[in-house]
Amino acid sequence: MAQTACRFYVLGVVQGVQLGDGSSMDHSTHRFVEKTKTIMCVPDEVDQSQMVTVVRQTLAQEFTAYPGDKELPASSTVSAIMNRRFPCSR
């Protein structure tokens, strides 16, 4: 059950960040329009289990090196990990 919750949490953070980053409001039409993503660009072939593996492995390393990071919001930590692993081309 914990693994399933972790998987859906990571997926939710990734999808939420990508949705917010990949669209903006066109104020003239009051509709959302697609824009170039800048925060994270996870390839389509990366599945949920791969995302969880990236996050879990990185967390183990990060928390060993920086134990104070355990106090940061989980969503920010997941976003930062995915940004470093899957940056967008600038």
Protein backbone atom coordinates (compact mmCIF):
# COMPACT_ATOMS: atom_id res chain seq x y z
CA MET A 1 0.00 0.00 0.00
CA ALA A 2 2.85 2.40 0.83
CA GLN A 3 4.51 1.71 -2.54
CA THR A 4 1.27 2.44 -4.37
CA ALA A 5 0.79 5.68 -2.44
CA CYS A 6 4.39 6.68 -3.22
CA ARG A 7 3.93 5.93 -6.91
CA PHE A 8 0.76 8.00 -7.17
CA TYR A 9 2.27 10.84 -5.13
CA VAL A 10 5.30 11.08 -7.42
CA LEU A 11 3.09 10.83 -10.51
CA GLY A 12 0.76 13.52 -9.14
CA VAL A 13 3.61 15.92 -8.44
CA VAL A 14 5.14 15.35 -11.88
CA GLN A 15 1.85 15.73 -13.72
CA GLY A 16 0.86 18.79 -11.67
CA VAL A 17 4.15 20.56 -12.31
CA GLN A 18 4.11 19.67 -16.01
CA LEU A 19 0.51 20.86 -16.40
CA GLY A 20 1.23 24.17 -14.69
CA ASP A 21 4.51 24.64 -16.51
CA GLY A 22 3.17 23.68 -19.94
CA SER A 23 0.26 26.09 -20.12
CA SER A 24 -0.64 29.68 -19.50
CA MET A 25 -3.81 31.75 -19.54
CA ASP A 26 -4.50 33.75 -22.67
CA HIS A 27 -6.20 36.74 -21.09
CA SER A 28 -7.81 37.86 -24.33
CA THR A 29 -9.69 34.56 -24.78
CA HIS A 30 -9.70 33.38 -21.14
CA ARG A 31 -8.44 29.98 -22.27
CA PHE A 32 -5.36 28.01 -21.43
CA VAL A 33 -2.78 27.78 -24.20
CA GLU A 34 0.19 25.47 -24.49
CA LYS A 35 3.63 26.92 -23.84
CA THR A 36 7.15 25.54 -23.82
CA LYS A 37 7.96 23.64 -20.65
CA THR A 38 10.90 24.92 -18.63
CA ILE A 39 10.88 23.04 -15.30
CA MET A 40 11.04 19.35 -16.19
CA CYS A 41 10.72 17.41 -19.41
CA VAL A 42 10.15 13.76 -18.59
CA PRO A 43 10.29 11.68 -21.78
CA ASP A 44 7.06 9.86 -22.66
CA GLU A 45 8.80 6.47 -22.42
CA VAL A 46 9.62 6.99 -18.71
CA ASP A 47 6.90 5.16 -16.79
CA GLN A 48 5.66 5.59 -13.22
CA SER A 49 7.90 2.92 -11.76
CA GLN A 50 10.98 4.52 -13.32
CA MET A 51 10.01 7.91 -11.89
CA VAL A 52 9.62 6.38 -8.42
CA THR A 53 12.99 4.65 -8.73
CA VAL A 54 14.68 7.94 -9.67
CA VAL A 55 13.07 9.72 -6.71
CA ARG A 56 13.77 6.97 -4.16
CA GLN A 57 17.41 6.53 -5.17
CA THR A 58 18.04 10.26 -5.19
CA LEU A 59 16.30 10.76 -1.84
CA ALA A 60 18.55 8.18 -0.21
CA GLN A 61 21.64 10.01 -1.46
CA GLU A 62 20.31 13.50 -0.71
CA PHE A 63 19.16 12.72 2.81
CA THR A 64 22.50 11.13 3.65
CA ALA A 65 24.39 14.19 2.41
CA TYR A 66 21.85 16.77 3.59
CA PRO A 67 19.72 15.39 6.45
CA GLY A 68 18.06 18.77 6.97
CA ASP A 69 16.37 18.38 3.58
CA LYS A 70 13.95 15.94 5.23
CA GLU A 71 12.18 19.01 6.60
CA LEU A 72 11.46 20.46 3.15
CA PRO A 73 8.04 20.01 1.51
CA ALA A 74 7.88 16.64 -0.26
CA SER A 75 6.43 18.11 -3.45
CA SER A 76 9.30 20.60 -3.75
CA THR A 77 11.82 17.83 -3.20
CA VAL A 78 10.25 15.56 -5.84
CA SER A 79 10.09 18.49 -8.29
CA ALA A 80 13.74 19.35 -7.73
CA ILE A 81 14.82 15.74 -8.22
CA MET A 82 12.87 15.38 -11.45
CA ASN A 83 14.17 18.75 -12.69
CA ARG A 84 17.76 17.64 -12.21
CA ARG A 85 17.16 14.22 -13.78
CA PHE A 86 14.97 15.43 -16.67
CA PRO A 87 15.84 19.07 -17.40
CA CYS A 88 14.28 20.84 -20.34
CA SER A 89 16.50 22.08 -23.15
CA ARG A 90 17.10 25.77 -22.71
